[in-house]
PDB file of N, CA and C in Angstrom:
ATOM      1  N   MET A   1      65.231  81.994-109.248  1.00  0.00           N
ATOM      2  CA  MET A   1      64.347  82.899-108.421  1.00  0.00           C
ATOM      3  C   MET A   1      65.116  84.401-107.900  1.00  0.00           C
ATOM      4  N   LYS A   2      65.280  83.596-107.177  1.00  0.00           N
ATOM      5  CA  LYS A   2      66.265  85.024-105.781  1.00  0.00           C
ATOM      6  C   LYS A   2      67.413  85.764-106.554  1.00  0.00           C
ATOM      7  N   LEU A   3      67.711  84.982-107.588  1.00  0.00           N
ATOM      8  CA  LEU A   3      69.350  85.038-108.414  1.00  0.00           C
ATOM      9  C   LEU A   3      68.675  86.513-109.056  1.00  0.00           C
ATOM     10  N   LEU A   4      67.251  86.517-109.475  1.00  0.00           N
ATOM     11  CA  LEU A   4      67.081  87.336-110.302  1.00  0.00           C
ATOM     12  C   LEU A   4      66.236  88.479-109.737  1.00  0.00           C
ATOM     13  N   LYS A   5      65.754  88.982-108.604  1.00  0.00           N
ATOM     14  CA  LYS A   5      65.572  89.580-107.590  1.00  0.00           C
ATOM     15  C   LYS A   5      66.605  90.110-107.266  1.00  0.00           C
ATOM     16  N   THR A   6      67.807  89.318-107.046  1.00  0.00           N
ATOM     17  CA  THR A   6      68.930  90.419-106.388  1.00  0.00           C
ATOM     18  C   THR A   6      70.087  90.841-107.504  1.00  0.00           C
ATOM     19  N   LEU A   7      69.443  90.347-108.961  1.00  0.00           N
ATOM     20  CA  LEU A   7      70.169  91.174-110.013  1.00  0.00           C
ATOM     21  C   LEU A   7      69.700  92.437-110.044  1.00  0.00           C
ATOM     22  N   GLN A   8      67.638  92.303-110.508  1.00  0.00           N
ATOM     23  CA  GLN A   8      67.067  93.708-110.739  1.00  0.00           C
ATOM     24  C   GLN A   8      67.692  94.690-109.092  1.00  0.00           C
ATOM     25  N   GLU A   9      67.595  94.042-108.108  1.00  0.00           N
ATOM     26  CA  GLU A   9      68.385  95.239-106.848  1.00  0.00           C
ATOM     27  C   GLU A   9      69.695  95.839-107.309  1.00  0.00           C
ATOM     28  N   TYR A  10      70.534  94.882-107.758  1.00  0.00           N
ATOM     29  CA  TYR A  10      71.989  95.589-108.182  1.00  0.00           C
ATOM     30  C   TYR A  10      71.933  96.534-109.381  1.00  0.00           C
ATOM     31  N   LYS A  11      71.322  96.362-110.572  1.00  0.00           N
ATOM     32  CA  LYS A  11      70.061  96.907-111.719  1.00  0.00           C
ATOM     33  C   LYS A  11      70.079  98.875-111.102  1.00  0.00           C
ATOM     34  N   ARG A  12      68.920  98.377-109.751  1.00  0.00           N
ATOM     35  CA  ARG A  12      68.501  99.600-109.144  1.00  0.00           C
ATOM     36  C   ARG A  12      69.956 100.524-108.493  1.00  0.00           C
ATOM     37  N   ILE A  13      70.692  99.778-107.729  1.00  0.00           N
ATOM     38  CA  ILE A  13      71.876 100.720-107.118  1.00  0.00           C
ATOM     39  C   ILE A  13      72.430 101.057-108.405  1.00  0.00           C
ATOM     40  N   VAL A  14      72.761 100.507-109.674  1.00  0.00           N
ATOM     41  CA  VAL A  14      74.240 101.252-110.138  1.00  0.00           C
ATOM     42  C   VAL A  14      73.196 102.327-110.674  1.00  0.00           C
ATOM     43  N   LYS A  15      71.580 102.341-111.442  1.00  0.00           N
ATOM     44  CA  LYS A  15      71.139 103.772-111.961  1.00  0.00           C
ATOM     45  C   LYS A  15      71.375 104.603-111.172  1.00  0.00           C
ATOM     46  N   ILE A  16      70.894 104.659-109.207  1.00  0.00           N
ATOM     47  CA  ILE A  16      71.194 105.429-108.439  1.00  0.00           C
ATOM     48  C   ILE A  16      72.454 106.205-108.222  1.00  0.00           C
ATOM     49  N   ALA A  17      73.220 104.917-108.784  1.00  0.00           N
ATOM     50  CA  ALA A  17      74.531 105.683-107.942  1.00  0.00           C
ATOM     51  C   ALA A  17      75.722 106.671-109.168  1.00  0.00           C
ATOM     52  N   ARG A  18      76.223 107.376-108.615  1.00  0.00           N
ATOM     53  CA  ARG A  18      76.599 108.196-109.416  1.00  0.00           C
ATOM     54  C   ARG A  18      78.359 108.247-109.138  1.00  0.00           C
ATOM     55  N   LYS A  19      79.196 109.137-109.827  1.00  0.00           N
ATOM     56  CA  LYS A  19      80.636 109.356-109.613  1.00  0.00           C
ATOM     57  C   LYS A  19      81.203 110.506-108.567  1.00  0.00           C
ATOM     58  N   PRO A  20      81.708 110.269-107.408  1.00  0.00           N
ATOM     59  CA  PRO A  20      82.087 110.919-106.477  1.00  0.00           C
ATOM     60  C   PRO A  20      82.058 112.740-107.122  1.00  0.00           C
ATOM     61  N   THR A  21      82.055 113.498-106.819  1.00  0.00           N
ATOM     62  CA  THR A  21      82.402 115.260-107.396  1.00  0.00           C
ATOM     63  C   THR A  21      84.001 115.112-106.696  1.00  0.00           C
ATOM     64  N   LYS A  22      84.559 115.548-107.227  1.00  0.00           N
ATOM     65  CA  LYS A  22      86.061 115.882-106.883  1.00  0.00           C
ATOM     66  C   LYS A  22      86.194 116.286-105.731  1.00  0.00           C
ATOM     67  N   GLU A  23      85.128 117.080-105.218  1.00  0.00           N
ATOM     68  CA  GLU A  23      86.091 117.428-103.616  1.00  0.00           C
ATOM     69  C   GLU A  23      85.242 116.304-102.311  1.00  0.00           C
ATOM     70  N   GLU A  24      84.409 115.731-103.330  1.00  0.00           N
ATOM     71  CA  GLU A  24      84.201 114.536-102.478  1.00  0.00           C
ATOM     72  C   GLU A  24      85.092 113.543-102.208  1.00  0.00           C
ATOM     73  N   PHE A  25      85.836 113.142-103.040  1.00  0.00           N
ATOM     74  CA  PHE A  25      86.355 112.336-103.636  1.00  0.00           C
ATOM     75  C   PHE A  25      88.311 112.476-102.787  1.00  0.00           C
ATOM     76  N   GLU A  26      88.441 114.150-103.379  1.00  0.00           N
ATOM     77  CA  GLU A  26      89.315 114.814-101.789  1.00  0.00           C
ATOM     78  C   GLU A  26      89.399 114.385-100.704  1.00  0.00           C
ATOM     79  N   ARG A  27      88.086 114.625-100.265  1.00  0.00           N
ATOM     80  CA  ARG A  27      88.002 114.637 -99.099  1.00  0.00           C
ATOM     81  C   ARG A  27      88.272 113.066 -98.442  1.00  0.00           C
ATOM     82  N   THR A  28      87.379 112.558 -98.830  1.00  0.00           N
ATOM     83  CA  THR A  28      87.422 110.359 -98.823  1.00  0.00           C
ATOM     84  C   THR A  28      88.885 110.073 -98.535  1.00  0.00           C
ATOM     85  N   LEU A  29      89.425 110.567 -99.426  1.00  0.00           N
ATOM     86  CA  LEU A  29      90.922 109.717 -99.140  1.00  0.00           C
ATOM     87  C   LEU A  29      92.034 110.642 -98.228  1.00  0.00           C
ATOM     88  N   LYS A  30      91.216 111.913 -97.506  1.00  0.00           N
ATOM     89  CA  LYS A  30      91.638 112.406 -96.464  1.00  0.00           C
ATOM     90  C   LYS A  30      91.271 111.626 -95.816  1.00  0.00           C
ATOM     91  N   ILE A  31      90.356 111.568 -95.343  1.00  0.00           N
ATOM     92  CA  ILE A  31      89.775 111.201 -94.076  1.00  0.00           C
ATOM     93  C   ILE A  31      90.078 109.569 -93.925  1.00  0.00           C
ATOM     94  N   THR A  32      90.608 109.362 -95.398  1.00  0.00           N
ATOM     95  CA  THR A  32      91.179 107.204 -95.073  1.00  0.00           C
ATOM     96  C   THR A  32      92.810 107.234 -94.990  1.00  0.00           C
ATOM     97  N   GLY A  33      93.012 108.361 -95.511  1.00  0.00           N
ATOM     98  CA  GLY A  33      94.674 108.238 -94.954  1.00  0.00           C
ATOM     99  C   GLY A  33      94.576 109.177 -93.743  1.00  0.00           C
ATOM    100  N   LEU A  34      94.401 109.534 -93.228  1.00  0.00           N
ATOM    101  CA  LEU A  34      94.284 109.975 -91.784  1.00  0.00           C
ATOM    102  C   LEU A  34      94.057 108.872 -90.230  1.00  0.00           C
ATOM    103  N   GLY A  35      93.280 108.413 -90.989  1.00  0.00           N
ATOM    104  CA  GLY A  35      92.579 106.852 -90.594  1.00  0.00           C
ATOM    105  C   GLY A  35      93.937 105.986 -90.483  1.00  0.00           C
ATOM    106  N   VAL A  36      94.988 105.591 -91.831  1.00  0.00           N
ATOM    107  CA  VAL A  36      95.572 104.523 -91.986  1.00  0.00           C
ATOM    108  C   VAL A  36      96.682 105.363 -91.070  1.00  0.00           C
ATOM    109  N   LEU A  37      97.326 106.395 -90.819  1.00  0.00           N
ATOM    110  CA  LEU A  37      98.269 106.965 -90.438  1.00  0.00           C
ATOM    111  C   LEU A  37      98.126 106.893 -89.377  1.00  0.00           C
ATOM    112  N   LEU A  38      96.782 107.137 -88.507  1.00  0.00           N
ATOM    113  CA  LEU A  38      96.554 106.932 -87.247  1.00  0.00           C
ATOM    114  C   LEU A  38      96.833 105.519 -86.599  1.00  0.00           C
ATOM    115  N   ILE A  39      96.179 104.555 -87.516  1.00  0.00           N
ATOM    116  CA  ILE A  39      96.158 103.203 -86.829  1.00  0.00           C
ATOM    117  C   ILE A  39      97.495 102.808 -87.046  1.00  0.00           C
ATOM    118  N   GLY A  40      98.835 103.141 -88.100  1.00  0.00           N
ATOM    119  CA  GLY A  40     100.009 102.579 -88.212  1.00  0.00           C
ATOM    120  C   GLY A  40     100.417 103.605 -87.060  1.00  0.00           C
ATOM    121  N   LEU A  41     100.331 104.668 -86.072  1.00  0.00           N
ATOM    122  CA  LEU A  41     101.333 105.220 -85.699  1.00  0.00           C
ATOM    123  C   LEU A  41     100.979 104.688 -83.905  1.00  0.00           C
ATOM    124  N   VAL A  42      99.662 104.033 -83.880  1.00  0.00           N
ATOM    125  CA  VAL A  42      99.262 103.373 -82.646  1.00  0.00           C
ATOM    126  C   VAL A  42      99.932 102.839 -82.292  1.00  0.00           C
ATOM    127  N   GLY A  43     100.046 101.828 -83.604  1.00  0.00           N
ATOM    128  CA  GLY A  43     100.795 100.100 -84.107  1.00  0.00           C
ATOM    129  C   GLY A  43     102.336 100.358 -83.448  1.00  0.00           C
ATOM    130  N   PHE A  44     102.518 101.241 -83.965  1.00  0.00           N
ATOM    131  CA  PHE A  44     104.210 101.914 -83.739  1.00  0.00           C
ATOM    132  C   PHE A  44     104.495 102.192 -82.349  1.00  0.00           C
ATOM    133  N   ILE A  45     103.749 102.699 -81.648  1.00  0.00           N
ATOM    134  CA  ILE A  45     103.752 103.109 -80.233  1.00  0.00           C
ATOM    135  C   ILE A  45     103.584 101.863 -79.235  1.00  0.00           C
ATOM    136  N   ILE A  46     102.482 101.330 -79.872  1.00  0.00           N
ATOM    137  CA  ILE A  46     102.710 100.002 -79.106  1.00  0.00           C
ATOM    138  C   ILE A  46     103.904  99.084 -79.048  1.00  0.00           C
ATOM    139  N   GLN A  47     104.418  98.968 -80.770  1.00  0.00           N
ATOM    140  CA  GLN A  47     105.397  98.404 -80.569  1.00  0.00           C
ATOM    141  C   GLN A  47     107.262  99.394 -80.093  1.00  0.00           C
ATOM    142  N   ILE A  48     106.873 100.032 -79.744  1.00  0.00           N
ATOM    143  CA  ILE A  48     108.107 100.953 -79.185  1.00  0.00           C
ATOM    144  C   ILE A  48     107.520 100.531 -77.274  1.00  0.00           C
ATOM    145  N   VAL A  49     106.573 100.312 -76.855  1.00  0.00           N
ATOM    146  CA  VAL A  49     105.851 100.284 -75.930  1.00  0.00           C
ATOM    147  C   VAL A  49     106.626  98.787 -75.213  1.00  0.00           C
ATOM    148  N   PHE A  50     106.299  97.368 -75.876  1.00  0.00           N
ATOM    149  CA  PHE A  50     106.570  96.578 -76.129  1.00  0.00           C
ATOM    150  C   PHE A  50     108.274  95.984 -76.104  1.00  0.00           C
ATOM    151  N   GLN A  51     108.332  97.033 -76.912  1.00  0.00           N
ATOM    152  CA  GLN A  51     110.662  96.489 -77.404  1.00  0.00           C
ATOM    153  C   GLN A  51     110.860  96.845 -75.675  1.00  0.00           C
ATOM    154  N   VAL A  52     110.560  98.039 -75.373  1.00  0.00           N
ATOM    155  CA  VAL A  52     111.112  98.789 -73.835  1.00  0.00           C
ATOM    156  C   VAL A  52     110.908  97.628 -72.722  1.00  0.00           C
ATOM    157  N   MET A  53     109.871  97.389 -72.843  1.00  0.00           N
ATOM    158  CA  MET A  53     109.255  96.335 -71.055  1.00  0.00           C
ATOM    159  C   MET A  53     110.404  95.070 -71.715  1.00  0.00           C
ATOM    160  N   LEU A  54     110.461  94.889 -72.370  1.00  0.00           N
ATOM    161  CA  LEU A  54     111.331  93.161 -73.172  1.00  0.00           C
ATOM    162  C   LEU A  54     112.729  93.718 -72.927  1.00  0.00           C
TER     163      LEU A  54
END
């Protein structure tokens, strides 16, 4: 019974969902890319700091 209810919920979500526009996709891509670069930069700085300390 629970499986049937879950499948019905998935079906409802798929009906409502739509593909992002080109502008939405590009904005999401830019924000995600900046986040990855920022996290990488923080990791790189931490690595440099530890190398200098040791």
